[in-house]
């Protein structure tokens, strides 16, 4: 079984894994930010502009103190592993479990008793953080592409 899995697992270059990581962070961040802001502004709530600004500020704080380091670890992991590893291996098993936990938490918040005007700022803050945090991964991918392209010429 182990040999079969090793032989048939989809592999990818480090360049593609950086691209997938950046695209995942950007896509999830954009969707969370979109729905969060939409829910903040959906019903006439008190001070939607203030809530949106506070969510953006909280997201930027999260980038500064959490996601900046998380994206650096992710970039280092992908570069250190190099080419030929499992396509989903750009995240560790522990990180994939954390992603599943965050998905479950998001579904719980969305389906729970809290109104969307309360859940909206949380979604917007996390979305903002992921979107801004993805910039470091995009830059690493761009640098990796530049290095790989210069090797060809």
C-alpha atoms as a PDB file:
ATOM      1  CA  UNK A   1       0.000   0.000   0.000  1.00  0.00           C
ATOM      2  CA  UNK A   2       2.778   2.427   0.909  1.00  0.00           C
ATOM      3  CA  UNK A   3       4.636   1.722  -2.342  1.00  0.00           C
ATOM      4  CA  UNK A   4       1.455   2.181  -4.356  1.00  0.00           C
ATOM      5  CA  UNK A   5       0.761   5.503  -2.649  1.00  0.00           C
ATOM      6  CA  UNK A   6       4.318   6.699  -3.203  1.00  0.00           C
ATOM      7  CA  UNK A   7       4.120   5.773  -6.869  1.00  0.00           C
ATOM      8  CA  UNK A   8       0.694   7.294  -7.550  1.00  0.00           C
ATOM      9  CA  UNK A   9       0.552  10.424  -5.406  1.00  0.00           C
ATOM     10  CA  UNK A  10       0.358  13.643  -7.397  1.00  0.00           C
ATOM     11  CA  UNK A  11       3.624  15.539  -7.120  1.00  0.00           C
ATOM     12  CA  UNK A  12       4.444  19.140  -7.915  1.00  0.00           C
ATOM     13  CA  UNK A  13       7.373  21.475  -8.160  1.00  0.00           C
ATOM     14  CA  UNK A  14       8.115  23.930  -5.367  1.00  0.00           C
ATOM     15  CA  UNK A  15       7.156  26.699  -7.781  1.00  0.00           C
ATOM     16  CA  UNK A  16       3.675  25.202  -8.271  1.00  0.00           C
ATOM     17  CA  UNK A  17       3.266  24.616  -4.535  1.00  0.00           C
ATOM     18  CA  UNK A  18       4.045  28.290  -3.848  1.00  0.00           C
ATOM     19  CA  UNK A  19       1.476  29.237  -6.479  1.00  0.00           C
ATOM     20  CA  UNK A  20      -1.151  26.948  -4.921  1.00  0.00           C
ATOM     21  CA  UNK A  21      -0.477  28.263  -1.412  1.00  0.00           C
ATOM     22  CA  UNK A  22      -0.711  31.894  -2.545  1.00  0.00           C
ATOM     23  CA  UNK A  23      -3.871  31.206  -4.549  1.00  0.00           C
ATOM     24  CA  UNK A  24      -5.481  29.377  -1.629  1.00  0.00           C
ATOM     25  CA  UNK A  25      -4.756  32.183   0.856  1.00  0.00           C
ATOM     26  CA  UNK A  26      -5.914  34.844  -1.633  1.00  0.00           C
ATOM     27  CA  UNK A  27      -9.087  33.034  -2.647  1.00  0.00           C
ATOM     28  CA  UNK A  28     -10.188  32.206   0.887  1.00  0.00           C
ATOM     29  CA  UNK A  29      -9.243  35.689   2.072  1.00  0.00           C
ATOM     30  CA  UNK A  30     -11.179  37.373  -0.728  1.00  0.00           C
ATOM     31  CA  UNK A  31     -14.291  35.272  -0.104  1.00  0.00           C
ATOM     32  CA  UNK A  32     -14.230  35.806   3.668  1.00  0.00           C
ATOM     33  CA  UNK A  33     -13.655  39.546   3.236  1.00  0.00           C
ATOM     34  CA  UNK A  34     -16.456  39.788   0.674  1.00  0.00           C
ATOM     35  CA  UNK A  35     -19.016  37.959   2.793  1.00  0.00           C
ATOM     36  CA  UNK A  36     -17.909  39.694   5.980  1.00  0.00           C
ATOM     37  CA  UNK A  37     -18.296  43.185   4.509  1.00  0.00           C
ATOM     38  CA  UNK A  38     -21.546  42.184   2.823  1.00  0.00           C
ATOM     39  CA  UNK A  39     -22.986  40.997   6.138  1.00  0.00           C
ATOM     40  CA  UNK A  40     -21.810  44.116   7.963  1.00  0.00           C
ATOM     41  CA  UNK A  41     -23.603  46.341   5.450  1.00  0.00           C
ATOM     42  CA  UNK A  42     -26.617  44.045   4.766  1.00  0.00           C
ATOM     43  CA  UNK A  43     -28.964  45.248   7.458  1.00  0.00           C
ATOM     44  CA  UNK A  44     -29.029  48.724   8.826  1.00  0.00           C
ATOM     45  CA  UNK A  45     -26.639  48.244  11.703  1.00  0.00           C
ATOM     46  CA  UNK A  46     -25.067  50.846  13.877  1.00  0.00           C
ATOM     47  CA  UNK A  47     -21.951  52.317  12.319  1.00  0.00           C
ATOM     48  CA  UNK A  48     -21.228  49.879   9.433  1.00  0.00           C
ATOM     49  CA  UNK A  49     -18.281  52.000   8.296  1.00  0.00           C
ATOM     50  CA  UNK A  50     -16.777  51.853  11.785  1.00  0.00           C
ATOM     51  CA  UNK A  51     -17.310  48.064  11.967  1.00  0.00           C
ATOM     52  CA  UNK A  52     -15.695  47.598   8.555  1.00  0.00           C
ATOM     53  CA  UNK A  53     -12.716  49.741   9.548  1.00  0.00           C
ATOM     54  CA  UNK A  54     -12.364  47.907  12.869  1.00  0.00           C
ATOM     55  CA  UNK A  55     -12.455  44.538  11.087  1.00  0.00           C
ATOM     56  CA  UNK A  56      -9.800  45.719   8.623  1.00  0.00           C
ATOM     57  CA  UNK A  57      -7.659  46.977  11.498  1.00  0.00           C
ATOM     58  CA  UNK A  58      -8.024  43.696  13.390  1.00  0.00           C
ATOM     59  CA  UNK A  59      -7.057  41.838  10.220  1.00  0.00           C
ATOM     60  CA  UNK A  60      -3.928  43.945   9.814  1.00  0.00           C
ATOM     61  CA  UNK A  61      -2.987  43.315  13.448  1.00  0.00           C
ATOM     62  CA  UNK A  62      -3.406  39.587  12.827  1.00  0.00           C
ATOM     63  CA  UNK A  63      -1.159  39.855   9.776  1.00  0.00           C
ATOM     64  CA  UNK A  64       1.509  41.661  11.769  1.00  0.00           C
ATOM     65  CA  UNK A  65       1.588  39.285  14.712  1.00  0.00           C
ATOM     66  CA  UNK A  66       0.471  35.912  13.271  1.00  0.00           C
ATOM     67  CA  UNK A  67       0.272  35.511   9.516  1.00  0.00           C
ATOM     68  CA  UNK A  68       3.534  37.229   8.708  1.00  0.00           C
ATOM     69  CA  UNK A  69       5.340  34.443  10.524  1.00  0.00           C
ATOM     70  CA  UNK A  70       2.982  31.720   9.287  1.00  0.00           C
ATOM     71  CA  UNK A  71       3.564  32.723   5.663  1.00  0.00           C
ATOM     72  CA  UNK A  72       7.323  32.779   6.278  1.00  0.00           C
ATOM     73  CA  UNK A  73       7.213  29.256   7.709  1.00  0.00           C
ATOM     74  CA  UNK A  74       5.117  28.115   4.758  1.00  0.00           C
ATOM     75  CA  UNK A  75       7.526  29.617   2.227  1.00  0.00           C
ATOM     76  CA  UNK A  76      10.496  28.084   4.045  1.00  0.00           C
ATOM     77  CA  UNK A  77       8.783  24.676   4.161  1.00  0.00           C
ATOM     78  CA  UNK A  78       8.100  24.678   0.423  1.00  0.00           C
ATOM     79  CA  UNK A  79      11.589  25.861  -0.517  1.00  0.00           C
ATOM     80  CA  UNK A  80      13.311  23.429   1.846  1.00  0.00           C
ATOM     81  CA  UNK A  81      11.350  20.458   0.499  1.00  0.00           C
ATOM     82  CA  UNK A  82      12.065  21.326  -3.119  1.00  0.00           C
ATOM     83  CA  UNK A  83      10.494  19.646  -6.129  1.00  0.00           C
ATOM     84  CA  UNK A  84       8.779  16.294  -6.449  1.00  0.00           C
ATOM     85  CA  UNK A  85       6.737  16.219  -3.260  1.00  0.00           C
ATOM     86  CA  UNK A  86       2.998  15.683  -2.854  1.00  0.00           C
ATOM     87  CA  UNK A  87       0.985  18.536  -4.335  1.00  0.00           C
ATOM     88  CA  UNK A  88      -0.936  19.063  -1.088  1.00  0.00           C
ATOM     89  CA  UNK A  89       2.238  18.916   0.961  1.00  0.00           C
ATOM     90  CA  UNK A  90       2.735  22.661   0.917  1.00  0.00           C
ATOM     91  CA  UNK A  91       0.889  22.514   4.237  1.00  0.00           C
ATOM     92  CA  UNK A  92       1.851  20.082   6.983  1.00  0.00           C
ATOM     93  CA  UNK A  93      -0.665  17.560   8.309  1.00  0.00           C
ATOM     94  CA  UNK A  94      -1.033  19.641  11.447  1.00  0.00           C
ATOM     95  CA  UNK A  95      -1.791  22.737   9.383  1.00  0.00           C
ATOM     96  CA  UNK A  96      -4.330  20.865   7.243  1.00  0.00           C
ATOM     97  CA  UNK A  97      -6.055  19.796  10.474  1.00  0.00           C
ATOM     98  CA  UNK A  98      -6.075  23.439  11.585  1.00  0.00           C
ATOM     99  CA  UNK A  99      -7.623  24.417   8.230  1.00  0.00           C
ATOM    100  CA  UNK A 100     -10.382  21.832   8.767  1.00  0.00           C
ATOM    101  CA  UNK A 101     -10.928  23.193  12.286  1.00  0.00           C
ATOM    102  CA  UNK A 102     -11.237  26.733  10.934  1.00  0.00           C
ATOM    103  CA  UNK A 103     -13.730  25.579   8.286  1.00  0.00           C
ATOM    104  CA  UNK A 104     -15.815  23.883  10.978  1.00  0.00           C
ATOM    105  CA  UNK A 105     -15.602  26.973  13.188  1.00  0.00           C
ATOM    106  CA  UNK A 106     -16.699  29.183  10.301  1.00  0.00           C
ATOM    107  CA  UNK A 107     -19.684  26.936   9.595  1.00  0.00           C
ATOM    108  CA  UNK A 108     -20.557  26.938  13.284  1.00  0.00           C
ATOM    109  CA  UNK A 109     -20.436  30.745  13.423  1.00  0.00           C
ATOM    110  CA  UNK A 110     -22.467  31.068  10.234  1.00  0.00           C
ATOM    111  CA  UNK A 111     -25.105  28.591  11.338  1.00  0.00           C
ATOM    112  CA  UNK A 112     -25.194  29.511  15.016  1.00  0.00           C
ATOM    113  CA  UNK A 113     -27.303  31.892  17.009  1.00  0.00           C
ATOM    114  CA  UNK A 114     -25.138  34.936  16.320  1.00  0.00           C
ATOM    115  CA  UNK A 115     -26.549  37.340  13.742  1.00  0.00           C
ATOM    116  CA  UNK A 116     -24.570  37.883  10.562  1.00  0.00           C
ATOM    117  CA  UNK A 117     -23.967  41.490  11.579  1.00  0.00           C
ATOM    118  CA  UNK A 118     -21.822  40.079  14.409  1.00  0.00           C
ATOM    119  CA  UNK A 119     -20.216  37.293  12.363  1.00  0.00           C
ATOM    120  CA  UNK A 120     -19.474  39.710   9.504  1.00  0.00           C
ATOM    121  CA  UNK A 121     -16.666  41.610  11.240  1.00  0.00           C
ATOM    122  CA  UNK A 122     -15.011  38.317  12.242  1.00  0.00           C
ATOM    123  CA  UNK A 123     -15.138  37.043   8.657  1.00  0.00           C
ATOM    124  CA  UNK A 124     -13.912  40.399   7.332  1.00  0.00           C
ATOM    125  CA  UNK A 125     -10.977  40.501   9.764  1.00  0.00           C
ATOM    126  CA  UNK A 126      -9.849  36.965   8.942  1.00  0.00           C
ATOM    127  CA  UNK A 127     -10.347  37.597   5.228  1.00  0.00           C
ATOM    128  CA  UNK A 128      -8.312  40.791   5.351  1.00  0.00           C
ATOM    129  CA  UNK A 129      -5.539  39.010   7.217  1.00  0.00           C
ATOM    130  CA  UNK A 130      -5.370  36.120   4.733  1.00  0.00           C
ATOM    131  CA  UNK A 131      -5.496  38.411   1.730  1.00  0.00           C
ATOM    132  CA  UNK A 132      -2.711  40.693   2.972  1.00  0.00           C
ATOM    133  CA  UNK A 133      -0.722  37.722   4.312  1.00  0.00           C
ATOM    134  CA  UNK A 134      -0.839  36.082   0.896  1.00  0.00           C
ATOM    135  CA  UNK A 135       1.259  38.945  -0.497  1.00  0.00           C
ATOM    136  CA  UNK A 136       4.441  37.459   1.003  1.00  0.00           C
ATOM    137  CA  UNK A 137       3.695  34.115  -0.630  1.00  0.00           C
ATOM    138  CA  UNK A 138       3.002  35.787  -3.980  1.00  0.00           C
ATOM    139  CA  UNK A 139       6.314  37.657  -3.694  1.00  0.00           C
ATOM    140  CA  UNK A 140       8.149  34.421  -2.889  1.00  0.00           C
ATOM    141  CA  UNK A 141       6.496  32.741  -5.888  1.00  0.00           C
ATOM    142  CA  UNK A 142       7.484  35.682  -8.114  1.00  0.00           C
ATOM    143  CA  UNK A 143      11.091  35.555  -6.883  1.00  0.00           C
ATOM    144  CA  UNK A 144      11.152  31.793  -7.371  1.00  0.00           C
ATOM    145  CA  UNK A 145       9.870  32.232 -10.930  1.00  0.00           C
ATOM    146  CA  UNK A 146      12.549  34.850 -11.639  1.00  0.00           C
ATOM    147  CA  UNK A 147      15.284  32.553 -10.347  1.00  0.00           C
ATOM    148  CA  UNK A 148      13.933  29.557 -12.278  1.00  0.00           C
ATOM    149  CA  UNK A 149      13.585  31.595 -15.483  1.00  0.00           C
ATOM    150  CA  UNK A 150      17.143  32.936 -15.234  1.00  0.00           C
ATOM    151  CA  UNK A 151      18.438  29.372 -14.964  1.00  0.00           C
ATOM    152  CA  UNK A 152      16.897  28.516 -18.317  1.00  0.00           C
ATOM    153  CA  UNK A 153      18.548  31.345 -20.247  1.00  0.00           C
END
